[in-house]
Amino acid sequence: MKKEEILEMSKKENKKRDLYEIKVETTGCKIAVLVMLVLATIYYCYEIFSGKGQNYSMYSIIASYCTVLYGYKAIKLERRKSLYIICSVSWGFVTILTILSYFGAI
């Protein structure tokens, strides 16, 4: 196979998107989530130390993201599947706890 044929097959497989573009989007998503977690932690600590209480709604959103992310990885990837399942279930538990805390059920 020629280089051009391989590139064309790859584009068809990736819906006319370049592999580098997919990698950049994936890396960008990871960085965005990391920034989101850092900011949420700063806000959360500020709320606790300033006496404003805790905002469980923000953490329920972050925990639900992690639940879905690890669940999706567990479904799609064969490598480290049991680890992804454990992480997804753990984050799911945290999501439920933060939602219940937000509505004052616990």
Protein backbone atom coordinates (compact mmCIF):
# COMPACT_ATOMS: atom_id res chain seq x y z
CA MET A 1 0.00 0.00 0.00
CA LYS A 2 1.10 3.48 -0.72
CA LYS A 3 1.27 6.21 1.83
CA GLU A 4 -1.62 8.07 0.18
CA GLU A 5 -3.86 4.99 0.27
CA ILE A 6 -3.22 4.48 3.97
CA LEU A 7 -3.95 8.14 4.66
CA GLU A 8 -7.20 7.94 2.67
CA MET A 9 -8.32 4.82 4.53
CA SER A 10 -7.53 6.50 7.83
CA LYS A 11 -9.59 9.56 6.88
CA LYS A 12 -12.55 7.38 5.91
CA GLU A 13 -12.24 5.51 9.16
CA ASN A 14 -12.13 8.74 11.15
CA LYS A 15 -14.90 10.48 9.20
CA LYS A 16 -12.62 12.72 7.16
CA ARG A 17 -10.85 13.98 10.29
CA ASP A 18 -7.11 14.01 10.65
CA LEU A 19 -5.61 11.82 13.39
CA TYR A 20 -3.62 14.78 14.67
CA GLU A 21 -6.83 16.81 14.96
CA ILE A 22 -8.43 14.02 17.00
CA LYS A 23 -5.37 13.86 19.25
CA VAL A 24 -5.44 17.65 19.77
CA GLU A 25 -9.14 17.55 20.68
CA THR A 26 -8.56 14.72 23.13
CA THR A 27 -5.64 16.47 24.78
CA GLY A 28 -7.58 19.73 24.91
CA CYS A 29 -10.47 17.97 26.61
CA LYS A 30 -8.14 16.49 29.22
CA ILE A 31 -6.57 19.87 29.95
CA ALA A 32 -10.00 21.53 30.18
CA VAL A 33 -11.21 18.93 32.66
CA LEU A 34 -8.06 19.33 34.74
CA VAL A 35 -8.54 23.12 34.85
CA MET A 36 -12.20 22.60 35.77
CA LEU A 37 -11.23 20.33 38.66
CA VAL A 38 -8.60 22.76 39.95
CA LEU A 39 -11.00 25.70 39.82
CA ALA A 40 -13.76 23.69 41.47
CA THR A 41 -11.39 22.70 44.27
CA ILE A 42 -10.33 26.33 44.80
CA TYR A 43 -13.97 27.46 44.91
CA TYR A 44 -14.91 24.60 47.19
CA CYS A 45 -12.10 25.38 49.66
CA TYR A 46 -12.99 29.08 49.57
CA GLU A 47 -16.62 28.31 50.40
CA ILE A 48 -15.63 26.09 53.32
CA PHE A 49 -13.05 28.47 54.83
CA SER A 50 -15.12 31.63 54.33
CA GLY A 51 -18.10 30.09 56.11
CA LYS A 52 -20.37 30.11 53.08
CA GLY A 53 -21.01 26.38 53.32
CA GLN A 54 -20.44 23.82 50.61
CA ASN A 55 -21.71 23.79 47.04
CA TYR A 56 -22.44 20.16 46.29
CA SER A 57 -24.07 20.92 42.95
CA MET A 58 -20.75 21.82 41.37
CA TYR A 59 -19.12 18.61 42.58
CA SER A 60 -22.08 16.51 41.47
CA ILE A 61 -21.51 17.77 37.93
CA ILE A 62 -17.80 16.95 38.06
CA ALA A 63 -18.44 13.54 39.61
CA SER A 64 -21.05 12.73 36.97
CA TYR A 65 -18.55 13.63 34.24
CA CYS A 66 -16.03 11.21 35.74
CA THR A 67 -18.71 8.52 36.08
CA VAL A 68 -19.62 8.75 32.41
CA LEU A 69 -15.99 9.02 31.26
CA TYR A 70 -14.84 5.88 33.07
CA GLY A 71 -18.05 4.03 32.18
CA TYR A 72 -17.52 4.80 28.51
CA LYS A 73 -13.90 3.68 28.71
CA ALA A 74 -14.99 0.44 30.41
CA ILE A 75 -17.40 -0.26 27.56
CA LYS A 76 -15.10 0.69 24.68
CA LEU A 77 -11.62 -0.39 25.84
CA GLU A 78 -10.43 -3.89 26.66
CA ARG A 79 -7.26 -2.78 28.41
CA ARG A 80 -7.71 -2.08 32.16
CA LYS A 81 -11.46 -2.73 31.87
CA SER A 82 -11.88 -3.76 35.52
CA LEU A 83 -10.12 -0.59 36.70
CA TYR A 84 -12.46 1.57 34.61
CA ILE A 85 -15.49 -0.26 35.97
CA ILE A 86 -14.32 0.27 39.56
CA CYS A 87 -13.64 3.95 38.89
CA SER A 88 -17.01 4.45 37.20
CA VAL A 89 -18.91 2.79 40.05
CA SER A 90 -16.94 4.77 42.65
CA TRP A 91 -17.58 8.07 40.90
CA GLY A 92 -21.22 7.08 40.48
CA PHE A 93 -21.46 6.62 44.23
CA VAL A 94 -19.87 10.04 44.78
CA THR A 95 -22.30 11.55 42.27
CA ILE A 96 -25.29 10.13 44.13
CA LEU A 97 -23.93 11.34 47.48
CA THR A 98 -23.31 14.88 46.22
CA ILE A 99 -26.75 15.08 44.61
CA LEU A 100 -28.41 13.89 47.82
CA SER A 101 -26.32 16.34 49.86
CA TYR A 102 -27.28 19.20 47.55
CA PHE A 103 -30.98 18.54 48.05
CA GLY A 104 -30.50 18.09 51.77
CA ALA A 105 -31.44 14.42 51.81
CA ILE A 106 -28.39 13.42 53.87
